[in-house]
Structure formats: structure tokens, C-alpha cells
Amino acid sequence: MIQVLSSSWALLLGIMLLMVGNGVQGTLLGIRGGIEGFSTFQMSIVMSGYFAGFLFGSRLTPTMIRRVGHVRVFAALGSLVSAVLILYPAWANPISWTVLRVVIGFCFSGVYITAESWLNNAADNENRGKALSLYLIVQMVGIIAAQYLLVLGDPGGFLLFILPSVLVSIAFAPILLSISPTPAFENTKGMSLRELFHLSPLGFVGIMVVGGVFSAMFGMAAVFGSEIGMSVGEISFFVSMFYIGGLVLQYPIGWISDRFDRRYLVLIVSGIAGVAAFLPIFTGANYYSYLVSAFFVGGMTNPLYALLLAYVNDFLESDNMAAASAGLVFINGIGAIMGPVVTGWIMGAMGPLGFFAYMGILLLSLLAYGLWRSTRRTAPLPEDVGSYVTMAPTGSPMAMDMAQEVWAEEASDDETATNS
């Protein structure tokens, strides 16, 4: 870990600042939308725009990098991010915000892919897993820190929109001054969604569900807080609890994953998260119940993503892992696009607590589907199960490729040890 930090500290610092900027704008828009009088459904469309742009960017960025190079793509998209962040208060209407969210989602996707490709290039087979773990920590710390910057200004003013723009601009300096040449992106033959579903129905459905739950957390938590009258400080702490839970529980669940039937752990984690989501509905809907629910929903959903990826990989040959990556990212993205929209519709139908009801229904539905799937297929043999690798739903296809390289390398090492 120290070796990774010493060789990539500037890159990781830049990534953390990017996450701070992204985290501020995500929560701030939820608060500012309430001030501007946007409806819940209008805000849900605005928030889903980010994930539509992110998915589109994840598919187009590799082509852009092949044409003009990493540095130009990174600098161009970074400049657009800074510009969009300060355009929000100037164009305060739902249509403009939706367009800007699509643009900023596209740009952040490209920025993450480029930065992660440099991180991947700086790592080797021995420390790539540690690099991913450190990257996850940096991401979580950045998003958590972002929430506490919201108390520094008035959400109805301009300062809080200028602040993330400045942070994102500063983030480029350590990254661009520390990068080394990266190999060109390779064209990898993809795996069809039909093949991916037949390979692991539970993994396929689960990853889509996680996309829907995570996007609701990221996009609609602040909208929920604004609707029920939380103060800015309360909203900041509430939103941060989703990510504090993810940071605290990621590694214990990962440790258990390598020592326990992974499929049943997916069911247990889904069940705990689903029950936690319904906690505010059945306990009188007080602020402390919101915090507890957020901690466990976020704490279970973040490692659930990595659990499901590991479970899918248990059915893959190492040579097919890269081919499956694009499909896994795509289905997660589809779930993420739908998450805020469906959440907004449910909140409009049953009130603000529909935010928790939506996540609870999805997670408990995954539990029910997983229980049914466990009657249709036996679990993989212990010797055929790979190790857990930390991943977060915020990861781009490049982070997914890094994780797949770790899994493939471990599978190759296990095969070598078996044959020797």
C-alpha cells in the first residue's frame, strides 16, 4: 500500500479532489432544486441525466483517447466540467440542468477513465489490487469530505457552485504533472447481454439493481432531505452516512466473502440493506432513523457491487473477464439511469419516504430472486471461487478492467499452483 501511495500520490490526490467537486455538485443540486421550486419528478429527471451521460461517456471515451491521446481528452473534458459547474445557477431551470447533468456525467466518465488508466499503468500485477483498494478509499473520502463543504456557503447563492469548479480545476494540476505515457486502449471483443445473463442471472439482475439503488442514493438523497425540511448541515451529514457506511463495511464484508458461500452472502447483504431501507418507514421517520438507515443501506450496497462482480467472475474463464466488463458496466448504467426517475415517481405518489421505499423494494426483490436462483443452480466449488476485489459503483470501465486484471492474474496463479 505504501509503495502504491508513494508512486501515485499526486494522481490519487487529484482523483480525491475530483470526487470532492463531484460530491458537492450532486448534493448541492438537490438542495438548490428545492429552493428554485422544482418538483420531485423534475429533479429526478435532472439527476438521472448524470448517469445517462456517464454511460454514454464510458462507451465513447476510449475512442476519443485513441484519436487524440489521454492528455488532450483529460484537459478538454476537465475544462467542460469546470464550466458546467458554474453554469448551474445561471441557467436555473429543469431542462437546462438536465442537459448540463448529461454533459457533466459524460465528462466525469471520461475524466475517470483517463485518470484510472494512468493509475492502472502505474500499478503492476503484485500491487494492482492494493491500488484499487486505495483508489476506493480516496473516492469515498472525497465524497464524504464534499458533504461538509456545503455548510461554507448559502445554497441559494453562487459560492458553493464556484467552489467545486475551483477544486476540479486544481485537481488537474497534480494529475497532469505526474502522469507517464500510457499504452493505447485495446479493442476487446464484448460479450452479449444474453450470454452474460445466461452465465449468471443473479449477477446480471443484482448489478442492475445496485445501479438503481446507488443512483438513488447519489442523486436523490439531498432531494429527500430538502423535501422534509432538513437543514443544510443535516442534509450534509445524512448524505455522508451512505458513504461512511460503504467505507467502514467494505473490507469486513470482503474478508467474509473469501471465507463464506458468496451467493448466500449476497442474499444476506441484500436482506440487511432492504430491511434497513424500510427502517424510517416503520420507526416513525425521525432524523436518527434516517442516519442509521443511510449507514447500512450505503454500507451494504457498496460492497454488494463488488460481491456481485466477484460472483459473476466465479463462472467466467479468465480469458473472458475482459469481454464481460463492458456488459457489466452497461447493465449497471441502465439501472443507474432509471434509479432517480423511478424514485422521483414513487416519492410523488407516496411522499418523501418513497425514497427509502424504492431502495427497500429493490433490495428485498433481489433477495427474493436470489433465494429462487439458489434452487436452480448449485454454488461454485470452493476451489473455483476467486478472491474478493474492492470495487465501487462509481467506478468507470477502466476501474472494472483493473479489477478484472486482478481476478485474471489470481486465477492464473491458482492454476499454476495447481499444476505444479
Protein backbone atom coordinates (compact mmCIF):
# COMPACT_ATOMS: atom_id res chain seq x y z
CA MET A 1 0.00 0.00 0.00
CA ILE A 2 2.85 2.40 0.89
CA GLN A 3 4.54 1.61 -2.42
CA VAL A 4 1.36 2.44 -4.36
CA LEU A 5 0.85 5.65 -2.37
CA SER A 6 4.44 6.81 -2.87
CA SER A 7 4.35 6.25 -6.63
CA SER A 8 0.83 7.54 -7.28
CA TRP A 9 0.10 10.08 -4.52
CA ALA A 10 -0.28 13.01 -6.91
CA LEU A 11 -2.70 11.07 -9.10
CA LEU A 12 -4.71 9.91 -6.08
CA LEU A 13 -4.80 13.46 -4.68
CA GLY A 14 -6.17 14.70 -7.97
CA ILE A 15 -8.80 11.96 -8.03
CA MET A 16 -9.85 12.84 -4.48
CA LEU A 17 -10.30 16.50 -5.43
CA LEU A 18 -12.37 15.42 -8.44
CA MET A 19 -14.60 13.36 -6.15
CA VAL A 20 -14.96 16.32 -3.77
CA GLY A 21 -16.09 18.52 -6.65
CA ASN A 22 -18.49 15.89 -7.95
CA GLY A 23 -19.86 15.18 -4.49
CA VAL A 24 -20.54 18.85 -3.79
CA GLN A 25 -22.45 19.43 -7.02
CA GLY A 26 -24.56 16.29 -6.63
CA THR A 27 -25.84 17.19 -3.17
CA LEU A 28 -25.99 20.93 -3.83
CA LEU A 29 -28.31 20.50 -6.81
CA GLY A 30 -30.75 18.52 -4.67
CA ILE A 31 -30.89 21.39 -2.20
CA ARG A 32 -30.92 24.18 -4.78
CA GLY A 33 -33.68 22.47 -6.77
CA GLY A 34 -35.96 22.79 -3.74
CA ILE A 35 -35.06 26.48 -3.41
CA GLU A 36 -35.86 27.03 -7.09
CA GLY A 37 -39.22 25.29 -6.69
CA PHE A 38 -38.52 22.30 -8.94
CA SER A 39 -40.87 19.36 -8.40
CA THR A 40 -39.59 16.00 -7.17
CA PHE A 41 -40.13 14.41 -10.57
CA GLN A 42 -38.34 17.26 -12.33
CA MET A 43 -35.36 16.77 -10.00
CA SER A 44 -35.41 13.03 -10.65
CA ILE A 45 -35.05 13.67 -14.39
CA VAL A 46 -32.23 16.15 -13.71
CA MET A 47 -30.40 13.65 -11.52
CA SER A 48 -30.79 10.77 -13.98
CA GLY A 49 -29.12 12.90 -16.64
CA TYR A 50 -25.74 12.44 -14.94
CA PHE A 51 -25.94 8.66 -15.25
CA ALA A 52 -27.07 8.81 -18.88
CA GLY A 53 -24.07 10.99 -19.67
CA PHE A 54 -21.78 8.75 -17.63
CA LEU A 55 -22.87 5.65 -19.54
CA PHE A 56 -22.50 7.38 -22.90
CA GLY A 57 -19.06 8.68 -21.90
CA SER A 58 -17.90 5.24 -20.82
CA ARG A 59 -18.55 3.95 -24.33
CA LEU A 60 -17.17 6.91 -26.31
CA THR A 61 -14.11 7.96 -24.26
CA PRO A 62 -11.84 5.06 -25.34
CA THR A 63 -12.41 6.03 -28.99
CA MET A 64 -11.62 9.68 -28.20
CA ILE A 65 -8.40 8.67 -26.42
CA ARG A 66 -7.28 6.52 -29.36
CA ARG A 67 -7.76 9.51 -31.69
CA VAL A 68 -6.19 12.40 -29.75
CA GLY A 69 -4.49 10.92 -26.69
CA HIS A 70 -5.04 10.82 -22.94
CA VAL A 71 -3.80 14.32 -22.09
CA ARG A 72 -5.97 16.18 -24.61
CA VAL A 73 -9.10 14.25 -23.68
CA PHE A 74 -8.44 14.78 -19.97
CA ALA A 75 -7.80 18.51 -20.34
CA ALA A 76 -10.78 19.10 -22.65
CA LEU A 77 -13.29 17.23 -20.51
CA GLY A 78 -11.91 18.79 -17.34
CA SER A 79 -12.41 22.28 -18.75
CA LEU A 80 -16.01 21.42 -19.59
CA VAL A 81 -16.62 20.15 -16.05
CA SER A 82 -15.37 23.42 -14.54
CA ALA A 83 -17.55 25.44 -16.91
CA VAL A 84 -20.71 23.41 -16.29
CA LEU A 85 -20.37 23.65 -12.51
CA ILE A 86 -20.67 27.44 -12.60
CA LEU A 87 -23.45 27.44 -15.23
CA TYR A 88 -25.99 25.73 -12.94
CA PRO A 89 -27.02 28.88 -11.00
CA ALA A 90 -27.00 30.96 -14.18
CA TRP A 91 -29.41 28.60 -16.01
CA ALA A 92 -31.67 27.52 -13.17
CA ASN A 93 -34.44 25.60 -14.90
CA PRO A 94 -35.07 21.83 -15.14
CA ILE A 95 -34.37 21.49 -18.86
CA SER A 96 -31.04 23.32 -18.70
CA TRP A 97 -30.00 21.41 -15.61
CA THR A 98 -30.83 18.09 -17.25
CA VAL A 99 -28.69 18.95 -20.27
CA LEU A 100 -25.86 20.15 -18.04
CA ARG A 101 -26.08 16.97 -15.95
CA VAL A 102 -25.79 14.84 -19.09
CA VAL A 103 -22.73 16.85 -20.13
CA ILE A 104 -21.09 16.67 -16.71
CA GLY A 105 -21.81 12.95 -16.42
CA PHE A 106 -20.18 12.40 -19.81
CA CYS A 107 -17.17 14.49 -18.80
CA PHE A 108 -16.66 12.88 -15.40
CA SER A 109 -16.86 9.44 -17.00
CA GLY A 110 -14.11 10.40 -19.44
CA VAL A 111 -12.01 12.04 -16.74
CA TYR A 112 -12.27 8.96 -14.51
CA ILE A 113 -11.40 6.59 -17.36
CA THR A 114 -8.32 8.63 -18.24
CA ALA A 115 -7.14 9.00 -14.63
CA GLU A 116 -7.79 5.32 -13.90
CA SER A 117 -5.85 4.28 -17.00
CA TRP A 118 -2.82 6.17 -15.64
CA LEU A 119 -3.32 4.50 -12.25
CA ASN A 120 -3.56 1.10 -13.89
CA ASN A 121 -0.41 1.76 -15.89
CA ALA A 122 1.46 2.77 -12.72
CA ALA A 123 0.47 -0.48 -10.98
CA ASP A 124 1.78 -3.98 -11.63
CA ASN A 125 0.39 -7.47 -11.06
CA GLU A 126 1.65 -7.54 -7.49
CA ASN A 127 0.08 -4.28 -6.30
CA ARG A 128 -2.88 -3.72 -8.65
CA GLY A 129 -5.34 -4.97 -6.05
CA LYS A 130 -3.85 -2.63 -3.45
CA ALA A 131 -4.05 0.24 -5.92
CA LEU A 132 -7.76 -0.45 -6.42
CA SER A 133 -8.31 -0.54 -2.65
CA LEU A 134 -6.53 2.76 -2.20
CA TYR A 135 -8.47 4.22 -5.10
CA LEU A 136 -11.74 3.20 -3.44
CA ILE A 137 -10.68 4.81 -0.17
CA VAL A 138 -9.76 8.02 -1.97
CA GLN A 139 -13.11 8.08 -3.75
CA MET A 140 -15.09 7.58 -0.55
CA VAL A 141 -13.06 10.13 1.40
CA GLY A 142 -13.59 12.67 -1.38
CA ILE A 143 -17.37 12.21 -1.46
CA ILE A 144 -17.63 12.28 2.35
CA ALA A 145 -15.50 15.44 2.60
CA ALA A 146 -17.63 17.09 -0.08
CA GLN A 147 -20.74 16.92 2.09
CA TYR A 148 -19.18 19.04 4.83
CA LEU A 149 -18.17 21.81 2.42
CA LEU A 150 -21.85 22.60 1.87
CA VAL A 151 -22.05 24.45 5.20
CA LEU A 152 -19.48 27.00 3.98
CA GLY A 153 -21.96 28.99 1.93
CA ASP A 154 -25.56 29.69 1.02
CA PRO A 155 -27.07 27.06 -1.33
CA GLY A 156 -29.15 29.85 -2.83
CA GLY A 157 -26.06 31.78 -3.89
CA PHE A 158 -23.10 31.26 -6.23
CA LEU A 159 -20.20 30.45 -3.89
CA LEU A 160 -20.99 26.75 -3.49
CA PHE A 161 -21.09 26.34 -7.28
CA ILE A 162 -17.78 28.16 -7.72
CA LEU A 163 -16.07 26.06 -5.03
CA PRO A 164 -16.35 22.66 -6.80
CA SER A 165 -15.37 24.31 -10.08
CA VAL A 166 -12.17 25.55 -8.46
CA LEU A 167 -11.50 22.16 -6.82
CA VAL A 168 -11.93 20.31 -10.11
CA SER A 169 -9.61 22.78 -11.87
CA ILE A 170 -6.97 22.34 -9.14
CA ALA A 171 -7.32 18.54 -9.41
CA PHE A 172 -5.89 18.56 -12.92
CA ALA A 173 -2.56 20.06 -11.85
CA PRO A 174 -1.18 17.12 -9.80
CA ILE A 175 -2.54 14.60 -12.30
CA LEU A 176 -1.16 16.25 -15.45
CA LEU A 177 2.20 16.99 -13.83
CA SER A 178 2.69 13.42 -12.62
CA ILE A 179 1.41 11.22 -15.44
CA SER A 180 3.54 8.93 -17.55
CA PRO A 181 2.78 7.60 -21.04
CA THR A 182 0.02 5.02 -21.16
CA PRO A 183 -0.46 2.16 -23.58
CA ALA A 184 -3.17 2.54 -26.16
CA PHE A 185 -6.61 1.16 -25.47
CA GLU A 186 -7.10 -2.25 -26.96
CA ASN A 187 -10.25 -3.29 -28.76
CA THR A 188 -11.75 -6.18 -26.79
CA LYS A 189 -14.47 -8.38 -28.18
CA GLY A 190 -17.52 -7.92 -25.98
CA MET A 191 -19.92 -10.46 -24.55
CA SER A 192 -23.60 -10.10 -25.44
CA LEU A 193 -26.09 -9.29 -22.70
CA ARG A 194 -27.89 -12.55 -23.42
CA GLU A 195 -24.67 -14.51 -22.87
CA LEU A 196 -23.97 -12.55 -19.70
CA PHE A 197 -27.46 -13.22 -18.33
CA HIS A 198 -27.24 -16.95 -19.01
CA LEU A 199 -23.80 -17.04 -17.45
CA SER A 200 -25.04 -15.60 -14.14
CA PRO A 201 -28.70 -14.49 -13.89
CA LEU A 202 -28.27 -13.43 -10.25
CA GLY A 203 -25.16 -11.40 -11.04
CA PHE A 204 -26.85 -9.77 -14.03
CA VAL A 205 -30.00 -8.77 -12.14
CA GLY A 206 -28.07 -7.85 -9.00
CA ILE A 207 -25.69 -5.47 -10.74
CA MET A 208 -28.63 -3.70 -12.38
CA VAL A 209 -30.36 -3.43 -9.00
CA VAL A 210 -27.21 -1.99 -7.39
CA GLY A 211 -27.05 0.60 -10.17
CA GLY A 212 -30.63 1.63 -9.41
CA VAL A 213 -30.06 1.82 -5.65
CA PHE A 214 -26.73 3.65 -5.86
CA SER A 215 -28.03 6.28 -8.28
CA ALA A 216 -30.96 6.93 -5.95
CA MET A 217 -28.55 7.44 -3.06
CA PHE A 218 -26.22 9.67 -5.07
CA GLY A 219 -28.91 11.62 -6.89
CA MET A 220 -31.98 11.76 -4.66
CA ALA A 221 -30.79 11.73 -1.04
CA ALA A 222 -30.39 15.51 -0.95
CA VAL A 223 -33.75 15.95 -2.71
CA PHE A 224 -35.35 13.84 0.02
CA GLY A 225 -33.66 15.88 2.75
CA SER A 226 -34.77 19.13 1.15
CA GLU A 227 -38.37 17.93 0.83
CA ILE A 228 -38.74 17.01 4.50
CA GLY A 229 -37.17 20.28 5.67
CA MET A 230 -33.70 19.22 6.81
CA SER A 231 -31.18 21.99 7.30
CA VAL A 232 -28.12 22.12 5.04
CA GLY A 233 -25.96 20.69 7.83
CA GLU A 234 -28.41 17.84 8.43
CA ILE A 235 -28.55 17.02 4.72
CA SER A 236 -24.76 17.02 4.54
CA PHE A 237 -24.42 14.57 7.43
CA PHE A 238 -27.29 12.41 6.15
CA VAL A 239 -25.80 12.07 2.65
CA SER A 240 -22.34 11.41 4.04
CA MET A 241 -23.65 8.44 6.08
CA PHE A 242 -24.28 6.45 2.88
CA TYR A 243 -20.58 6.71 2.03
CA ILE A 244 -19.25 6.38 5.57
CA GLY A 245 -21.12 3.07 5.74
CA GLY A 246 -19.59 1.99 2.44
CA LEU A 247 -16.10 2.89 3.62
CA VAL A 248 -16.44 1.17 7.01
CA LEU A 249 -18.16 -2.05 5.88
CA GLN A 250 -16.46 -2.68 2.53
CA TYR A 251 -13.46 -4.52 3.93
CA PRO A 252 -15.16 -6.64 6.63
CA ILE A 253 -17.66 -7.89 4.05
CA GLY A 254 -14.84 -8.53 1.59
CA TRP A 255 -12.98 -10.55 4.23
CA ILE A 256 -16.10 -12.63 4.93
CA SER A 257 -16.66 -13.07 1.18
CA ASP A 258 -13.45 -15.06 0.78
CA ARG A 259 -14.44 -17.41 3.61
CA PHE A 260 -18.17 -17.89 3.05
CA ASP A 261 -20.51 -19.02 0.29
CA ARG A 262 -20.57 -15.87 -1.82
CA ARG A 263 -24.10 -16.36 -3.13
CA TYR A 264 -25.58 -16.61 0.35
CA LEU A 265 -23.55 -13.59 1.43
CA VAL A 266 -25.14 -11.64 -1.46
CA LEU A 267 -28.54 -12.64 -0.09
CA ILE A 268 -27.66 -11.69 3.50
CA VAL A 269 -26.25 -8.32 2.46
CA SER A 270 -29.28 -7.59 0.25
CA GLY A 271 -31.63 -8.54 3.06
CA ILE A 272 -29.90 -6.36 5.66
CA ALA A 273 -29.85 -3.40 3.28
CA GLY A 274 -33.51 -3.92 2.33
CA VAL A 275 -34.65 -4.08 5.96
CA ALA A 276 -32.53 -1.02 6.79
CA ALA A 277 -34.18 0.91 3.97
CA PHE A 278 -37.61 0.33 5.50
CA LEU A 279 -36.44 1.32 9.00
CA PRO A 280 -37.52 5.01 8.74
CA ILE A 281 -40.95 3.99 7.45
CA PHE A 282 -41.67 1.68 10.37
CA THR A 283 -39.99 3.63 13.20
CA GLY A 284 -41.71 6.97 12.99
CA ALA A 285 -39.48 8.66 10.40
CA ASN A 286 -37.11 10.61 12.65
CA TYR A 287 -33.70 12.01 11.77
CA TYR A 288 -31.75 9.35 13.65
CA SER A 289 -33.57 6.56 11.85
CA TYR A 290 -32.59 8.24 8.56
CA LEU A 291 -28.92 8.20 9.61
CA VAL A 292 -28.97 4.55 10.69
CA SER A 293 -30.76 3.54 7.51
CA ALA A 294 -28.32 5.51 5.35
CA PHE A 295 -25.31 3.91 7.07
CA PHE A 296 -26.50 0.35 6.49
CA VAL A 297 -28.00 0.87 3.03
CA GLY A 298 -24.80 2.54 1.83
CA GLY A 299 -22.62 0.18 3.85
CA MET A 300 -24.22 -2.88 2.26
CA THR A 301 -24.84 -1.60 -1.27
CA ASN A 302 -21.25 -0.53 -1.97
CA PRO A 303 -19.66 -3.93 -1.15
CA LEU A 304 -22.67 -5.68 -2.73
CA TYR A 305 -21.47 -4.37 -6.09
CA ALA A 306 -18.04 -5.93 -5.61
CA LEU A 307 -19.63 -9.14 -4.28
CA LEU A 308 -21.76 -9.49 -7.39
CA LEU A 309 -18.81 -8.83 -9.70
CA ALA A 310 -16.81 -11.50 -7.89
CA TYR A 311 -19.77 -13.87 -8.11
CA VAL A 312 -20.07 -13.35 -11.87
CA ASN A 313 -16.33 -13.92 -12.26
CA ASP A 314 -16.67 -17.25 -10.43
CA PHE A 315 -18.44 -18.51 -13.59
CA LEU A 316 -16.01 -16.91 -16.06
CA GLU A 317 -12.79 -18.20 -17.54
CA SER A 318 -10.01 -15.66 -17.03
CA ASP A 319 -9.81 -15.08 -20.80
CA ASN A 320 -13.46 -13.96 -20.85
CA MET A 321 -13.32 -11.49 -17.98
CA ALA A 322 -12.39 -8.50 -20.11
CA ALA A 323 -15.17 -9.35 -22.57
CA ALA A 324 -17.72 -9.37 -19.74
CA SER A 325 -16.62 -5.98 -18.36
CA ALA A 326 -18.43 -3.84 -20.92
CA GLY A 327 -21.70 -5.70 -20.42
CA LEU A 328 -21.47 -5.42 -16.62
CA VAL A 329 -20.83 -1.68 -16.80
CA PHE A 330 -23.69 -1.26 -19.28
CA ILE A 331 -26.35 -3.03 -17.21
CA ASN A 332 -25.22 -1.16 -14.10
CA GLY A 333 -25.58 2.06 -16.08
CA ILE A 334 -29.10 1.20 -17.25
CA GLY A 335 -30.13 0.61 -13.64
CA ALA A 336 -28.47 3.89 -12.63
CA ILE A 337 -30.34 5.90 -15.27
CA MET A 338 -33.69 4.51 -14.15
CA GLY A 339 -32.98 4.87 -10.41
CA PRO A 340 -33.66 8.60 -9.88
CA VAL A 341 -36.63 8.62 -12.28
CA VAL A 342 -38.43 5.74 -10.55
CA THR A 343 -37.53 7.15 -7.14
CA GLY A 344 -39.00 10.53 -8.09
CA TRP A 345 -42.19 8.89 -9.32
CA ILE A 346 -42.60 6.88 -6.10
CA MET A 347 -41.87 9.93 -3.96
CA GLY A 348 -44.53 11.82 -5.87
CA ALA A 349 -47.03 9.02 -5.28
CA MET A 350 -46.41 8.25 -1.59
CA GLY A 351 -44.45 11.23 -0.28
CA PRO A 352 -40.76 11.74 0.56
CA LEU A 353 -40.43 8.36 2.31
CA GLY A 354 -40.85 6.81 -1.13
CA PHE A 355 -37.08 7.42 -1.35
CA PHE A 356 -36.48 4.68 1.21
CA ALA A 357 -39.35 2.51 -0.03
CA TYR A 358 -37.86 2.40 -3.54
CA MET A 359 -34.47 1.19 -2.30
CA GLY A 360 -36.06 -1.30 0.10
CA ILE A 361 -38.28 -2.81 -2.59
CA LEU A 362 -35.36 -3.23 -4.99
CA LEU A 363 -33.07 -4.80 -2.40
CA LEU A 364 -35.67 -7.18 -1.00
CA SER A 365 -36.67 -8.12 -4.56
CA LEU A 366 -33.03 -9.04 -5.18
CA LEU A 367 -33.12 -11.16 -2.02
CA ALA A 368 -36.26 -12.98 -3.23
CA TYR A 369 -34.80 -13.52 -6.71
CA GLY A 370 -31.56 -14.79 -5.20
CA LEU A 371 -33.41 -17.27 -2.99
CA TRP A 372 -35.22 -18.60 -6.06
CA ARG A 373 -31.99 -18.78 -8.08
CA SER A 374 -30.35 -20.79 -5.29
CA THR A 375 -32.86 -23.56 -6.02
CA ARG A 376 -31.92 -23.59 -9.72
CA ARG A 377 -28.14 -23.90 -9.58
CA THR A 378 -25.54 -25.20 -7.16
CA ALA A 379 -22.90 -22.82 -5.86
CA PRO A 380 -19.39 -22.96 -7.40
CA LEU A 381 -16.91 -25.27 -5.68
CA PRO A 382 -14.63 -23.52 -3.14
CA GLU A 383 -11.55 -24.22 -5.27
CA ASP A 384 -13.22 -22.48 -8.25
CA VAL A 385 -14.02 -19.27 -6.37
CA GLY A 386 -11.80 -16.21 -6.86
CA SER A 387 -10.86 -13.60 -4.29
CA TYR A 388 -12.92 -10.51 -3.49
CA VAL A 389 -11.58 -7.32 -5.08
CA THR A 390 -12.77 -3.93 -3.82
CA MET A 391 -14.90 -2.02 -6.32
CA ALA A 392 -17.47 0.73 -6.02
CA PRO A 393 -20.47 1.51 -8.25
CA THR A 394 -18.78 4.83 -9.06
CA GLY A 395 -16.03 3.01 -10.98
CA SER A 396 -15.66 3.51 -14.71
CA PRO A 397 -14.97 0.73 -17.24
CA MET A 398 -11.26 1.33 -16.66
CA ALA A 399 -11.62 0.53 -12.95
CA MET A 400 -13.60 -2.55 -13.95
CA ASP A 401 -10.77 -3.62 -16.26
CA MET A 402 -8.28 -3.15 -13.41
CA ALA A 403 -10.39 -5.40 -11.19
CA GLN A 404 -10.69 -7.98 -13.95
CA GLU A 405 -6.91 -7.98 -14.37
CA VAL A 406 -6.53 -8.70 -10.66
CA TRP A 407 -9.03 -11.58 -10.86
CA ALA A 408 -7.43 -12.98 -14.03
CA GLU A 409 -3.94 -12.81 -12.51
CA GLU A 410 -5.11 -14.58 -9.35
CA ALA A 411 -6.85 -17.25 -11.45
CA SER A 412 -3.65 -17.74 -13.45
CA ASP A 413 -1.59 -18.01 -10.26
CA ASP A 414 -4.03 -20.55 -8.81
CA GLU A 415 -3.91 -22.62 -12.00
CA THR A 416 -0.11 -22.54 -11.99
CA ALA A 417 0.00 -23.61 -8.34
CA THR A 418 -2.44 -26.45 -9.05
CA ASN A 419 -0.43 -27.77 -11.99
CA SER A 420 2.96 -27.52 -10.28
